[in-house]
C-alpha atoms as a PDB file:
ATOM      1  CA  UNK A   1     -45.267 -59.068   0.455  1.00  0.00           C
ATOM      2  CA  UNK A   2     -42.147 -58.779   2.187  1.00  0.00           C
ATOM      3  CA  UNK A   3     -42.260 -58.398   6.169  1.00  0.00           C
ATOM      4  CA  UNK A   4     -40.204 -55.828   6.137  1.00  0.00           C
ATOM      5  CA  UNK A   5     -38.367 -52.906   3.938  1.00  0.00           C
ATOM      6  CA  UNK A   6     -34.789 -54.254   5.436  1.00  0.00           C
ATOM      7  CA  UNK A   7     -35.636 -57.717   4.622  1.00  0.00           C
ATOM      8  CA  UNK A   8     -33.465 -60.009   1.892  1.00  0.00           C
ATOM      9  CA  UNK A   9     -37.009 -60.046   0.378  1.00  0.00           C
ATOM     10  CA  UNK A  10     -37.712 -56.688   0.588  1.00  0.00           C
ATOM     11  CA  UNK A  11     -34.393 -55.481  -0.080  1.00  0.00           C
ATOM     12  CA  UNK A  12     -34.873 -57.832  -3.560  1.00  0.00           C
ATOM     13  CA  UNK A  13     -38.941 -56.141  -3.841  1.00  0.00           C
ATOM     14  CA  UNK A  14     -36.867 -52.665  -3.813  1.00  0.00           C
ATOM     15  CA  UNK A  15     -33.928 -53.061  -6.070  1.00  0.00           C
ATOM     16  CA  UNK A  16     -36.106 -54.839  -8.601  1.00  0.00           C
ATOM     17  CA  UNK A  17     -39.136 -52.237  -9.134  1.00  0.00           C
ATOM     18  CA  UNK A  18     -36.167 -49.805  -9.488  1.00  0.00           C
ATOM     19  CA  UNK A  19     -34.687 -51.814 -11.536  1.00  0.00           C
ATOM     20  CA  UNK A  20     -37.732 -52.545 -13.749  1.00  0.00           C
ATOM     21  CA  UNK A  21     -38.785 -48.878 -13.671  1.00  0.00           C
ATOM     22  CA  UNK A  22     -35.540 -47.580 -14.840  1.00  0.00           C
ATOM     23  CA  UNK A  23     -35.467 -49.851 -18.086  1.00  0.00           C
ATOM     24  CA  UNK A  24     -39.265 -48.947 -18.549  1.00  0.00           C
ATOM     25  CA  UNK A  25     -38.146 -45.291 -18.911  1.00  0.00           C
ATOM     26  CA  UNK A  26     -35.420 -46.067 -21.083  1.00  0.00           C
ATOM     27  CA  UNK A  27     -37.789 -48.285 -23.197  1.00  0.00           C
ATOM     28  CA  UNK A  28     -40.069 -45.628 -23.772  1.00  0.00           C
ATOM     29  CA  UNK A  29     -37.119 -42.851 -24.446  1.00  0.00           C
ATOM     30  CA  UNK A  30     -35.682 -45.319 -27.424  1.00  0.00           C
ATOM     31  CA  UNK A  31     -39.705 -45.623 -28.678  1.00  0.00           C
ATOM     32  CA  UNK A  32     -39.914 -42.076 -28.798  1.00  0.00           C
ATOM     33  CA  UNK A  33     -36.610 -41.350 -30.245  1.00  0.00           C
ATOM     34  CA  UNK A  34     -37.645 -44.183 -32.989  1.00  0.00           C
ATOM     35  CA  UNK A  35     -40.911 -43.026 -33.492  1.00  0.00           C
ATOM     36  CA  UNK A  36     -39.578 -39.335 -34.612  1.00  0.00           C
ATOM     37  CA  UNK A  37     -37.209 -40.009 -37.018  1.00  0.00           C
ATOM     38  CA  UNK A  38     -39.517 -41.733 -38.797  1.00  0.00           C
ATOM     39  CA  UNK A  39     -41.213 -40.267 -42.111  1.00  0.00           C
ATOM     40  CA  UNK A  40     -44.017 -38.378 -41.875  1.00  0.00           C
ATOM     41  CA  UNK A  41     -47.191 -37.005 -44.522  1.00  0.00           C
ATOM     42  CA  UNK A  42     -49.617 -34.646 -44.358  1.00  0.00           C
ATOM     43  CA  UNK A  43     -53.198 -36.842 -43.568  1.00  0.00           C
ATOM     44  CA  UNK A  44     -56.950 -36.700 -44.011  1.00  0.00           C
ATOM     45  CA  UNK A  45     -59.024 -37.935 -41.765  1.00  0.00           C
ATOM     46  CA  UNK A  46     -61.954 -40.042 -42.716  1.00  0.00           C
ATOM     47  CA  UNK A  47     -63.488 -41.347 -40.220  1.00  0.00           C
ATOM     48  CA  UNK A  48     -63.545 -40.914 -36.236  1.00  0.00           C
ATOM     49  CA  UNK A  49     -63.905 -44.398 -34.473  1.00  0.00           C
ATOM     50  CA  UNK A  50     -64.940 -44.762 -30.838  1.00  0.00           C
ATOM     51  CA  UNK A  51     -64.527 -48.058 -28.973  1.00  0.00           C
ATOM     52  CA  UNK A  52     -65.702 -48.027 -25.333  1.00  0.00           C
ATOM     53  CA  UNK A  53     -63.388 -45.285 -23.645  1.00  0.00           C
ATOM     54  CA  UNK A  54     -60.428 -45.073 -26.846  1.00  0.00           C
ATOM     55  CA  UNK A  55     -60.529 -43.700 -30.093  1.00  0.00           C
ATOM     56  CA  UNK A  56     -58.517 -43.838 -32.845  1.00  0.00           C
ATOM     57  CA  UNK A  57     -59.040 -42.156 -36.835  1.00  0.00           C
ATOM     58  CA  UNK A  58     -59.334 -44.000 -40.227  1.00  0.00           C
ATOM     59  CA  UNK A  59     -56.324 -41.646 -42.025  1.00  0.00           C
ATOM     60  CA  UNK A  60     -55.726 -41.631 -45.550  1.00  0.00           C
ATOM     61  CA  UNK A  61     -51.860 -39.878 -46.499  1.00  0.00           C
ATOM     62  CA  UNK A  62     -49.678 -40.146 -48.951  1.00  0.00           C
ATOM     63  CA  UNK A  63     -46.647 -42.471 -49.234  1.00  0.00           C
ATOM     64  CA  UNK A  64     -43.133 -41.484 -51.246  1.00  0.00           C
ATOM     65  CA  UNK A  65     -44.379 -43.460 -54.570  1.00  0.00           C
ATOM     66  CA  UNK A  66     -47.665 -41.379 -54.653  1.00  0.00           C
ATOM     67  CA  UNK A  67     -50.082 -44.059 -53.290  1.00  0.00           C
ATOM     68  CA  UNK A  68     -52.565 -43.756 -50.679  1.00  0.00           C
ATOM     69  CA  UNK A  69     -51.920 -45.208 -47.678  1.00  0.00           C
ATOM     70  CA  UNK A  70     -55.521 -45.866 -45.601  1.00  0.00           C
ATOM     71  CA  UNK A  71     -54.440 -46.492 -41.683  1.00  0.00           C
ATOM     72  CA  UNK A  72     -56.577 -46.591 -38.185  1.00  0.00           C
ATOM     73  CA  UNK A  73     -54.550 -44.739 -35.444  1.00  0.00           C
ATOM     74  CA  UNK A  74     -54.699 -44.299 -32.043  1.00  0.00           C
ATOM     75  CA  UNK A  75     -56.033 -40.849 -31.246  1.00  0.00           C
ATOM     76  CA  UNK A  76     -54.387 -39.616 -28.439  1.00  0.00           C
ATOM     77  CA  UNK A  77     -54.485 -35.777 -28.021  1.00  0.00           C
ATOM     78  CA  UNK A  78     -57.609 -33.824 -28.817  1.00  0.00           C
ATOM     79  CA  UNK A  79     -60.342 -35.340 -30.731  1.00  0.00           C
ATOM     80  CA  UNK A  80     -59.827 -35.354 -34.853  1.00  0.00           C
ATOM     81  CA  UNK A  81     -63.015 -34.654 -36.907  1.00  0.00           C
ATOM     82  CA  UNK A  82     -63.672 -36.345 -40.252  1.00  0.00           C
ATOM     83  CA  UNK A  83     -62.271 -33.722 -42.870  1.00  0.00           C
ATOM     84  CA  UNK A  84     -59.534 -32.886 -41.089  1.00  0.00           C
ATOM     85  CA  UNK A  85     -55.732 -32.246 -41.547  1.00  0.00           C
ATOM     86  CA  UNK A  86     -52.842 -34.683 -39.391  1.00  0.00           C
ATOM     87  CA  UNK A  87     -49.773 -35.731 -39.590  1.00  0.00           C
ATOM     88  CA  UNK A  88     -48.820 -38.646 -39.380  1.00  0.00           C
ATOM     89  CA  UNK A  89     -45.803 -40.571 -38.764  1.00  0.00           C
ATOM     90  CA  UNK A  90     -44.810 -43.904 -40.553  1.00  0.00           C
ATOM     91  CA  UNK A  91     -41.851 -46.428 -41.316  1.00  0.00           C
ATOM     92  CA  UNK A  92     -41.184 -48.112 -44.208  1.00  0.00           C
ATOM     93  CA  UNK A  93     -39.609 -51.252 -44.639  1.00  0.00           C
ATOM     94  CA  UNK A  94     -39.173 -52.582 -48.309  1.00  0.00           C
ATOM     95  CA  UNK A  95     -41.729 -50.016 -49.558  1.00  0.00           C
ATOM     96  CA  UNK A  96     -44.535 -51.093 -47.213  1.00  0.00           C
ATOM     97  CA  UNK A  97     -45.886 -49.377 -44.101  1.00  0.00           C
ATOM     98  CA  UNK A  98     -44.795 -51.289 -41.033  1.00  0.00           C
ATOM     99  CA  UNK A  99     -46.051 -49.214 -38.096  1.00  0.00           C
ATOM    100  CA  UNK A 100     -47.823 -45.689 -38.310  1.00  0.00           C
ATOM    101  CA  UNK A 101     -48.795 -43.016 -35.778  1.00  0.00           C
ATOM    102  CA  UNK A 102     -50.063 -39.736 -35.309  1.00  0.00           C
ATOM    103  CA  UNK A 103     -47.861 -36.873 -34.893  1.00  0.00           C
ATOM    104  CA  UNK A 104     -49.324 -35.480 -31.950  1.00  0.00           C
ATOM    105  CA  UNK A 105     -48.875 -38.964 -29.241  1.00  0.00           C
ATOM    106  CA  UNK A 106     -45.783 -37.579 -28.423  1.00  0.00           C
ATOM    107  CA  UNK A 107     -48.245 -36.587 -24.948  1.00  0.00           C
ATOM    108  CA  UNK A 108     -48.794 -40.603 -24.372  1.00  0.00           C
ATOM    109  CA  UNK A 109     -44.925 -40.867 -23.806  1.00  0.00           C
ATOM    110  CA  UNK A 110     -44.586 -38.110 -21.749  1.00  0.00           C
ATOM    111  CA  UNK A 111     -47.694 -39.112 -19.630  1.00  0.00           C
ATOM    112  CA  UNK A 112     -46.070 -42.403 -19.474  1.00  0.00           C
ATOM    113  CA  UNK A 113     -42.598 -41.024 -18.917  1.00  0.00           C
ATOM    114  CA  UNK A 114     -43.389 -39.193 -16.070  1.00  0.00           C
ATOM    115  CA  UNK A 115     -45.228 -42.176 -14.300  1.00  0.00           C
ATOM    116  CA  UNK A 116     -42.059 -44.513 -14.615  1.00  0.00           C
ATOM    117  CA  UNK A 117     -40.095 -41.120 -13.513  1.00  0.00           C
ATOM    118  CA  UNK A 118     -42.084 -41.134 -10.156  1.00  0.00           C
ATOM    119  CA  UNK A 119     -41.782 -44.403  -9.606  1.00  0.00           C
ATOM    120  CA  UNK A 120     -38.283 -44.508 -10.009  1.00  0.00           C
ATOM    121  CA  UNK A 121     -38.216 -42.257  -7.573  1.00  0.00           C
ATOM    122  CA  UNK A 122     -40.042 -44.294  -5.417  1.00  0.00           C
ATOM    123  CA  UNK A 123     -37.843 -47.281  -6.067  1.00  0.00           C
ATOM    124  CA  UNK A 124     -34.906 -44.704  -5.712  1.00  0.00           C
ATOM    125  CA  UNK A 125     -36.327 -43.821  -1.465  1.00  0.00           C
ATOM    126  CA  UNK A 126     -37.244 -47.636  -0.510  1.00  0.00           C
ATOM    127  CA  UNK A 127     -33.458 -48.639  -1.365  1.00  0.00           C
ATOM    128  CA  UNK A 128     -32.143 -45.863   0.405  1.00  0.00           C
ATOM    129  CA  UNK A 129     -34.684 -47.106   3.472  1.00  0.00           C
ATOM    130  CA  UNK A 130     -33.286 -50.368   2.378  1.00  0.00           C
ATOM    131  CA  UNK A 131     -30.236 -50.582   2.515  1.00  0.00           C
ATOM    132  CA  UNK A 132     -29.813 -48.444   5.716  1.00  0.00           C
ATOM    133  CA  UNK A 133     -27.649 -49.638   8.468  1.00  0.00           C
ATOM    134  CA  UNK A 134     -29.777 -50.723  11.173  1.00  0.00           C
ATOM    135  CA  UNK A 135     -30.058 -48.375  14.446  1.00  0.00           C
ATOM    136  CA  UNK A 136     -27.406 -49.877  17.091  1.00  0.00           C
ATOM    137  CA  UNK A 137     -28.847 -51.069  20.490  1.00  0.00           C
ATOM    138  CA  UNK A 138     -27.167 -48.948  23.025  1.00  0.00           C
END
């Protein structure tokens, strides 16, 4: 760890943290925007699966060609029970689903975005301290 935030190493670490947090936030915003542009369909929860602290649901939803798709999707919002209707967003390539998610998983993007925003504010503050001129002795 750096001896002082004003040292060369401290300035490098402060800048690296800020750059990493900004890049992470850009990635989260890009992912959220891309996922919102995917096609969506109404599906039915068939089964709720729980593994440790994480939960997922097995959902059946229709594709544009009339076939049914069954996927196990992470549950980031409220608990879903079998028989409930949910909106599924999915990404198609060459007629096949390459990725799918429940439409209510925007909460996860918000949580990560807010956390990265706090890290960015901390990084800005650390950089202000690191790059501020040293007080001159009188």
